[in-house]
Protein backbone atom coordinates (compact mmCIF):
# COMPACT_ATOMS: atom_id res chain seq x y z
CA MET A 1 -1.02 -15.63 -17.67
CA LEU A 2 -1.59 -18.77 -15.83
CA LYS A 3 2.06 -18.50 -14.06
CA PHE A 4 1.47 -14.62 -13.17
CA LYS A 5 -1.86 -15.75 -11.55
CA LYS A 6 -0.37 -18.36 -9.69
CA THR A 7 2.58 -16.21 -8.49
CA PHE A 8 0.01 -13.70 -7.30
CA LEU A 9 -2.16 -15.92 -5.24
CA GLY A 10 0.41 -18.21 -4.05
CA PRO A 11 1.51 -15.86 -1.14
CA LEU A 12 -1.91 -14.55 -0.38
CA GLY A 13 -3.01 -18.08 0.57
CA LYS A 14 -1.33 -21.25 1.19
CA ASN A 15 2.30 -19.92 0.82
CA ASN A 16 1.63 -16.79 2.86
CA PRO A 17 5.32 -16.30 4.31
CA VAL A 18 4.11 -15.61 7.81
CA PHE A 19 1.71 -18.17 8.53
CA ALA A 20 3.22 -20.68 6.30
CA GLN A 21 6.98 -20.38 7.14
CA ILE A 22 6.74 -18.19 10.22
CA LEU A 23 9.09 -15.75 8.60
CA GLY A 24 9.24 -11.87 9.45
CA ILE A 25 7.38 -11.86 12.60
CA CYS A 26 9.87 -8.89 14.11
CA LEU A 27 7.45 -6.23 12.81
CA THR A 28 4.45 -7.99 14.28
CA LEU A 29 5.93 -7.53 17.61
CA ALA A 30 7.11 -4.38 17.10
CA VAL A 31 4.49 -2.05 15.19
CA THR A 32 1.01 -4.19 15.62
CA ASN A 33 -0.38 -2.28 18.70
CA ARG A 34 -1.49 0.44 16.44
CA LEU A 35 -3.58 0.07 13.38
CA GLU A 36 -2.35 3.48 11.75
CA ASN A 37 1.22 2.69 12.48
CA THR A 38 0.80 -0.78 10.95
CA VAL A 39 -0.75 0.35 7.75
CA VAL A 40 2.00 2.86 7.13
CA MET A 41 4.68 -0.08 7.73
CA ALA A 42 2.98 -2.29 5.86
CA THR A 43 2.62 -0.07 2.95
CA GLY A 44 6.64 0.51 3.36
CA VAL A 45 7.06 -3.24 3.03
CA ILE A 46 5.01 -3.56 -0.09
CA PHE A 47 7.18 -0.86 -1.62
CA THR A 48 10.30 -2.31 -0.86
CA ILE A 49 9.63 -5.82 -1.62
CA ALA A 50 8.06 -5.30 -4.67
CA LEU A 51 10.40 -2.98 -6.35
CA SER A 52 13.68 -4.62 -4.66
CA GLY A 53 12.39 -8.13 -6.42
CA PHE A 54 11.76 -6.02 -9.58
CA THR A 55 15.29 -4.40 -9.66
CA ILE A 56 17.37 -7.40 -8.54
CA SER A 57 15.68 -9.56 -11.26
CA LEU A 58 16.42 -6.42 -13.96
CA ILE A 59 20.27 -6.79 -13.22
CA ARG A 60 20.56 -10.34 -11.81
CA LYS A 61 22.87 -11.69 -14.76
CA LEU A 62 25.08 -8.93 -14.04
CA ILE A 63 25.41 -9.34 -10.43
CA PRO A 64 28.58 -11.94 -9.71
CA SER A 65 27.48 -14.95 -7.56
CA ARG A 66 30.14 -14.16 -4.83
CA ILE A 67 28.92 -10.80 -3.98
CA ARG A 68 24.95 -11.28 -4.57
CA MET A 69 23.77 -10.93 -1.09
CA MET A 70 25.78 -7.86 -0.55
CA VAL A 71 24.37 -6.36 -3.63
CA GLU A 72 20.90 -7.54 -2.76
CA THR A 73 20.93 -5.99 0.78
CA LEU A 74 22.32 -2.58 -0.59
CA ILE A 75 19.24 -2.68 -3.21
CA ILE A 76 16.88 -3.46 -0.38
CA ALA A 77 18.47 -0.90 1.98
CA SER A 78 18.23 1.71 -1.11
CA TYR A 79 14.32 1.34 -1.23
CA VAL A 80 13.96 1.43 2.61
CA ILE A 81 15.75 4.87 2.70
CA ILE A 82 13.42 6.12 0.00
CA VAL A 83 10.47 4.69 2.69
CA ASP A 84 12.11 6.32 5.62
CA ILE A 85 12.73 10.05 3.92
CA ALA A 86 9.16 10.13 2.51
CA LEU A 87 7.92 9.11 6.19
CA ARG A 88 10.22 11.98 7.62
CA ALA A 89 8.74 14.29 5.21
CA TYR A 90 4.91 13.58 4.64
CA LEU A 91 4.03 11.68 8.06
CA PRO A 92 6.49 12.93 10.60
CA HIS A 93 4.27 11.79 13.85
CA ILE A 94 4.44 8.37 12.43
CA TRP A 95 7.60 8.20 11.96
CA ARG A 96 8.82 9.44 15.34
CA GLN A 97 6.36 6.94 16.71
CA LEU A 98 8.08 4.11 14.49
CA GLY A 99 11.40 5.25 15.20
CA PRO A 100 14.13 2.50 14.13
CA TYR A 101 11.59 0.03 13.18
CA VAL A 102 11.52 1.21 9.75
CA GLY A 103 15.29 0.50 9.34
CA LEU A 104 14.34 -2.70 10.29
CA ILE A 105 12.64 -3.52 7.15
CA VAL A 106 16.14 -4.16 5.51
CA THR A 107 16.80 -6.99 7.66
CA ASN A 108 12.92 -8.55 6.92
CA CYS A 109 13.89 -12.37 5.91
CA ILE A 110 10.90 -12.13 3.72
CA ILE A 111 12.10 -9.73 1.73
CA MET A 112 15.89 -11.22 1.35
CA GLY A 113 13.99 -14.44 0.77
CA ARG A 114 12.11 -13.31 -2.19
CA ALA A 115 14.91 -11.96 -3.64
CA GLU A 116 17.10 -15.01 -3.57
CA ALA A 117 14.41 -17.59 -3.96
CA PHE A 118 12.47 -15.73 -7.10
CA ALA A 119 13.96 -12.47 -8.08
CA MET A 120 17.06 -14.05 -8.77
CA ASN A 121 15.64 -16.75 -11.11
CA ASN A 122 12.75 -15.05 -12.91
CA PRO A 123 12.11 -12.10 -15.11
CA SER A 124 11.35 -8.51 -13.94
CA GLY A 125 7.94 -8.60 -14.62
CA ILE A 126 6.92 -11.65 -12.64
CA SER A 127 9.50 -10.60 -9.96
CA LEU A 128 7.26 -7.55 -9.31
CA ILE A 129 4.21 -9.44 -9.25
CA ASP A 130 5.88 -11.84 -6.66
CA GLY A 131 7.05 -8.99 -4.92
CA LEU A 132 3.53 -7.33 -4.71
CA ALA A 133 1.64 -10.53 -3.55
CA SER A 134 4.48 -11.28 -1.16
CA GLY A 135 3.98 -7.64 0.49
CA ILE A 136 0.42 -7.74 0.28
CA GLY A 137 0.30 -11.30 2.15
CA TYR A 138 2.53 -10.11 4.69
CA ALA A 139 0.73 -6.80 5.28
CA TYR A 140 -2.98 -8.36 5.75
CA VAL A 141 -1.74 -10.70 8.58
CA LEU A 142 0.04 -7.58 10.24
CA ILE A 143 -3.08 -5.62 9.75
CA ILE A 144 -5.35 -8.38 11.29
CA ILE A 145 -3.27 -8.65 14.29
CA ALA A 146 -2.82 -4.75 14.83
CA PHE A 147 -6.60 -4.12 14.44
CA PHE A 148 -7.34 -6.71 17.29
CA ARG A 149 -4.27 -5.59 19.62
CA GLU A 150 -5.53 -1.97 19.26
CA LEU A 151 -9.29 -3.25 19.97
CA PHE A 152 -8.56 -4.76 23.01
CA GLY A 153 -5.54 -3.12 24.11
CA SER A 154 -6.68 0.64 23.84
CA GLY A 155 -10.49 -0.13 23.05
CA THR A 156 -9.91 2.09 20.06
CA ILE A 157 -9.73 1.69 16.07
CA TRP A 158 -7.15 4.06 14.49
CA GLY A 159 -7.29 6.09 17.57
CA ILE A 160 -11.13 6.47 17.60
CA PRO A 161 -12.75 5.16 20.88
CA VAL A 162 -14.74 2.24 20.00
CA PHE A 163 -16.10 0.93 23.54
CA GLY A 164 -17.68 2.91 26.20
CA SER A 165 -16.44 3.85 29.70
CA TRP A 166 -17.43 0.08 30.68
CA TRP A 167 -14.84 -1.40 28.71
CA THR A 168 -11.45 -2.58 30.62
CA SER A 169 -8.52 -2.42 28.26
CA TRP A 170 -6.27 -5.46 28.07
CA SER A 171 -2.81 -4.09 28.69
CA ILE A 172 -1.26 -7.50 27.85
CA MET A 173 -2.44 -6.77 24.07
CA LEU A 174 -0.26 -3.89 23.62
CA MET A 175 2.70 -5.88 25.06
CA PRO A 176 4.85 -8.06 23.16
CA PRO A 177 3.23 -11.42 24.27
CA GLY A 178 0.00 -9.87 22.89
CA ALA A 179 1.72 -9.94 19.38
CA PHE A 180 2.81 -13.63 20.03
CA PHE A 181 -0.83 -14.48 21.28
CA MET A 182 -2.65 -12.77 18.42
CA LEU A 183 -0.07 -14.32 15.94
CA ALA A 184 -0.55 -17.90 17.41
CA ILE A 185 -4.21 -17.76 17.34
CA PHE A 186 -4.22 -16.19 13.43
CA ILE A 187 -1.84 -18.97 12.33
CA TRP A 188 -3.99 -21.63 14.20
CA ILE A 189 -7.29 -20.34 12.83
CA VAL A 190 -5.84 -20.43 9.15
CA LYS A 191 -3.78 -23.24 9.03
CA GLY A 192 -6.11 -25.37 11.27
CA LEU A 193 -9.58 -24.48 10.07
CA ILE A 194 -9.40 -22.28 6.68
CA ILE A 195 -6.45 -24.05 4.80
CA LYS A 196 -7.19 -27.60 6.18
CA GLU A 197 -11.04 -27.30 5.22
CA GLY A 198 -9.93 -26.08 1.83
CA ASP A 199 -7.72 -29.26 1.11
């Protein structure tokens, strides 16, 4: 039970893949200019990383070592296709906005990293927990960044106006540099203040 708890809490705190290892920041730049899109994409990442880790762990002893990367990529891509089809069927307006970025989930190094480092060496149950925790840890970073980018860049949250006519939108927040700035500030706050104080 202690191992399950440690596995779940690790990626949510000090071992978060974004601010601890600076991994998977492509989506940070691509989709975090609108909160709604970010929440949908983050849900897709959680789904993919959790189930791909679970599946890879189930069959890890059957995968020849020389082709394991190809098998892992195929499994991850299969779940990404499910996400893409579900978005196209149930949220077509968001699917059109996200465009090719849904497919980029396949190339997310966090997913492949957890498959290689954890799922290939652990039972399926704990691999599922690790995948969920890694996905949630990644998702909350994206959602926080998206919240402030949309708020300052458009003056809205989830498309709903927050500020009055007096507000002048910061257009840079909707551009890739805005994502870099917000990610850097977030990492600085977490690693420089929160984690440091907790040590």
